[in-house]
N, C-alpha and C. Protein backbone atom coordinates (compact mmCIF):
# COMPACT_ATOMS: atom_id res chain seq x y z
N MET A 1 9.67 57.79 34.68
CA MET A 1 8.73 57.34 33.69
C MET A 1 8.54 55.83 33.82
N ALA A 2 7.36 55.34 33.60
CA ALA A 2 7.02 53.92 33.77
C ALA A 2 7.52 53.11 32.59
N GLU A 3 7.80 51.85 32.87
CA GLU A 3 8.25 50.94 31.82
C GLU A 3 7.04 50.42 31.06
N ILE A 4 7.15 50.33 29.75
CA ILE A 4 6.06 49.85 28.92
C ILE A 4 6.05 48.32 28.98
N VAL A 5 4.88 47.76 29.24
CA VAL A 5 4.74 46.32 29.40
C VAL A 5 3.79 45.80 28.33
N ASN A 6 4.24 44.78 27.62
CA ASN A 6 3.39 44.12 26.65
C ASN A 6 2.50 43.15 27.42
N LEU A 7 1.21 43.41 27.43
CA LEU A 7 0.29 42.62 28.24
C LEU A 7 0.18 41.18 27.77
N ARG A 8 0.30 40.96 26.49
CA ARG A 8 0.24 39.60 25.95
C ARG A 8 1.42 38.79 26.47
N ARG A 9 2.62 39.38 26.44
CA ARG A 9 3.81 38.68 26.95
C ARG A 9 3.71 38.45 28.46
N ALA A 10 3.19 39.42 29.17
CA ALA A 10 3.05 39.28 30.62
C ALA A 10 2.06 38.16 30.95
N ARG A 11 0.97 38.09 30.20
CA ARG A 11 -0.02 37.03 30.43
C ARG A 11 0.58 35.66 30.14
N LYS A 12 1.30 35.55 29.03
CA LYS A 12 1.92 34.27 28.67
C LYS A 12 2.98 33.87 29.70
N ARG A 13 3.74 34.84 30.19
CA ARG A 13 4.75 34.55 31.20
C ARG A 13 4.09 34.06 32.48
N ALA A 14 2.98 34.67 32.87
CA ALA A 14 2.25 34.25 34.07
C ALA A 14 1.69 32.84 33.90
N GLU A 15 1.19 32.52 32.71
CA GLU A 15 0.69 31.17 32.44
C GLU A 15 1.81 30.15 32.49
N ARG A 16 2.96 30.49 31.94
CA ARG A 16 4.11 29.58 31.99
C ARG A 16 4.56 29.34 33.42
N ASP A 17 4.59 30.40 34.22
CA ASP A 17 4.99 30.26 35.62
C ASP A 17 4.00 29.38 36.39
N ALA A 18 2.71 29.57 36.13
CA ALA A 18 1.69 28.75 36.78
C ALA A 18 1.82 27.29 36.35
N ALA A 19 2.08 27.06 35.08
CA ALA A 19 2.24 25.69 34.58
C ALA A 19 3.47 25.04 35.19
N ALA A 20 4.54 25.79 35.34
CA ALA A 20 5.75 25.25 35.95
C ALA A 20 5.51 24.90 37.41
N GLU A 21 4.73 25.72 38.09
CA GLU A 21 4.42 25.44 39.50
C GLU A 21 3.56 24.18 39.61
N ARG A 22 2.57 24.03 38.73
CA ARG A 22 1.74 22.82 38.73
C ARG A 22 2.59 21.59 38.41
N ALA A 23 3.52 21.71 37.47
CA ALA A 23 4.38 20.59 37.11
C ALA A 23 5.26 20.18 38.29
N ALA A 24 5.79 21.15 39.01
CA ALA A 24 6.62 20.85 40.18
C ALA A 24 5.79 20.13 41.24
N HIS A 25 4.56 20.59 41.44
CA HIS A 25 3.68 19.95 42.41
C HIS A 25 3.37 18.51 41.99
N ASN A 26 3.11 18.29 40.71
CA ASN A 26 2.81 16.94 40.22
C ASN A 26 4.03 16.03 40.30
N ARG A 27 5.22 16.59 40.10
CA ARG A 27 6.43 15.77 40.23
C ARG A 27 6.59 15.27 41.66
N VAL A 28 6.21 16.09 42.61
CA VAL A 28 6.30 15.67 44.01
C VAL A 28 5.27 14.57 44.28
N LEU A 29 4.05 14.75 43.77
CA LEU A 29 3.00 13.76 44.03
C LEU A 29 3.23 12.45 43.30
N HIS A 30 3.64 12.52 42.06
CA HIS A 30 3.75 11.32 41.22
C HIS A 30 5.18 11.13 40.74
N GLY A 31 6.14 11.39 41.61
CA GLY A 31 7.53 11.48 41.19
C GLY A 31 8.23 10.18 40.87
N THR A 32 7.90 9.09 41.53
CA THR A 32 8.67 7.88 41.32
C THR A 32 8.09 7.07 40.17
N PRO A 33 8.94 6.63 39.25
CA PRO A 33 8.46 5.79 38.15
C PRO A 33 8.03 4.42 38.66
N LYS A 34 7.24 3.74 37.87
CA LYS A 34 6.71 2.44 38.27
C LYS A 34 7.83 1.43 38.50
N ALA A 35 8.85 1.45 37.68
CA ALA A 35 9.95 0.50 37.84
C ALA A 35 10.65 0.71 39.18
N GLU A 36 10.83 1.95 39.57
CA GLU A 36 11.47 2.23 40.85
C GLU A 36 10.58 1.81 42.03
N ARG A 37 9.27 2.05 41.91
CA ARG A 37 8.34 1.63 42.97
C ARG A 37 8.35 0.11 43.14
N THR A 38 8.35 -0.62 42.03
CA THR A 38 8.35 -2.08 42.12
C THR A 38 9.67 -2.58 42.69
N LEU A 39 10.78 -1.93 42.33
CA LEU A 39 12.08 -2.32 42.86
C LEU A 39 12.13 -2.10 44.38
N ILE A 40 11.62 -0.98 44.85
CA ILE A 40 11.59 -0.70 46.28
C ILE A 40 10.72 -1.72 47.00
N ALA A 41 9.56 -2.05 46.42
CA ALA A 41 8.66 -3.03 47.04
C ALA A 41 9.32 -4.41 47.09
N ALA A 42 10.01 -4.79 46.02
CA ALA A 42 10.68 -6.10 45.99
C ALA A 42 11.80 -6.17 47.02
N ARG A 43 12.56 -5.09 47.16
CA ARG A 43 13.64 -5.07 48.16
C ARG A 43 13.07 -5.14 49.57
N LYS A 44 11.95 -4.45 49.80
CA LYS A 44 11.33 -4.47 51.12
C LYS A 44 10.83 -5.87 51.44
N GLU A 45 10.18 -6.51 50.47
CA GLU A 45 9.68 -7.87 50.68
C GLU A 45 10.82 -8.85 50.94
N LEU A 46 11.91 -8.71 50.21
CA LEU A 46 13.07 -9.58 50.40
C LEU A 46 13.67 -9.41 51.78
N SER A 47 13.80 -8.18 52.24
CA SER A 47 14.37 -7.96 53.57
C SER A 47 13.43 -8.46 54.66
N GLU A 48 12.12 -8.29 54.50
CA GLU A 48 11.17 -8.81 55.48
C GLU A 48 11.20 -10.34 55.51
N ARG A 49 11.32 -10.96 54.36
CA ARG A 49 11.39 -12.42 54.30
C ARG A 49 12.65 -12.92 54.98
N ALA A 50 13.78 -12.24 54.76
CA ALA A 50 15.04 -12.64 55.39
C ALA A 50 14.96 -12.47 56.90
N LEU A 51 14.30 -11.41 57.36
CA LEU A 51 14.13 -11.19 58.79
C LEU A 51 13.25 -12.27 59.41
N ASP A 52 12.17 -12.64 58.73
CA ASP A 52 11.29 -13.68 59.25
C ASP A 52 11.98 -15.04 59.30
N GLN A 53 12.89 -15.30 58.40
CA GLN A 53 13.60 -16.58 58.39
C GLN A 53 14.54 -16.71 59.59
N HIS A 54 15.00 -15.61 60.13
CA HIS A 54 15.93 -15.65 61.26
C HIS A 54 15.24 -15.48 62.61
N ARG A 55 13.91 -15.47 62.61
CA ARG A 55 13.16 -15.34 63.85
C ARG A 55 13.20 -16.64 64.64
N LEU A 56 13.29 -16.50 65.95
CA LEU A 56 13.29 -17.68 66.82
C LEU A 56 11.88 -17.95 67.30
N GLU A 57 11.47 -19.20 67.23
CA GLU A 57 10.16 -19.60 67.69
C GLU A 57 10.31 -20.07 69.14
N THR A 58 9.69 -19.37 70.08
CA THR A 58 9.80 -19.75 71.49
C THR A 58 8.54 -20.41 71.99
N GLY A 59 7.40 -20.14 71.41
CA GLY A 59 6.16 -20.76 71.81
C GLY A 59 5.53 -20.09 73.03
N GLU A 60 6.09 -19.00 73.51
CA GLU A 60 5.56 -18.34 74.69
C GLU A 60 4.33 -17.49 74.36
N GLY A 61 4.16 -17.08 73.16
CA GLY A 61 3.07 -16.19 72.79
C GLY A 61 1.72 -16.87 72.69
N GLU A 62 1.70 -18.17 72.71
CA GLU A 62 0.44 -18.90 72.51
C GLU A 62 -0.23 -19.27 73.79
């Protein structure tokens, strides 16, 4: 014998599952907070500046 399914509950469960999938996709796309992005950018800039300060100028490229 078949199991009785409440269609309203099944519809709501499907909507919740779809919403959870969309939320997971959005977390991947927009996952990093602004503070973390600025911190990463600042660290990258600092390391690039430190690297440029230790560069040797040879004058051969000109």
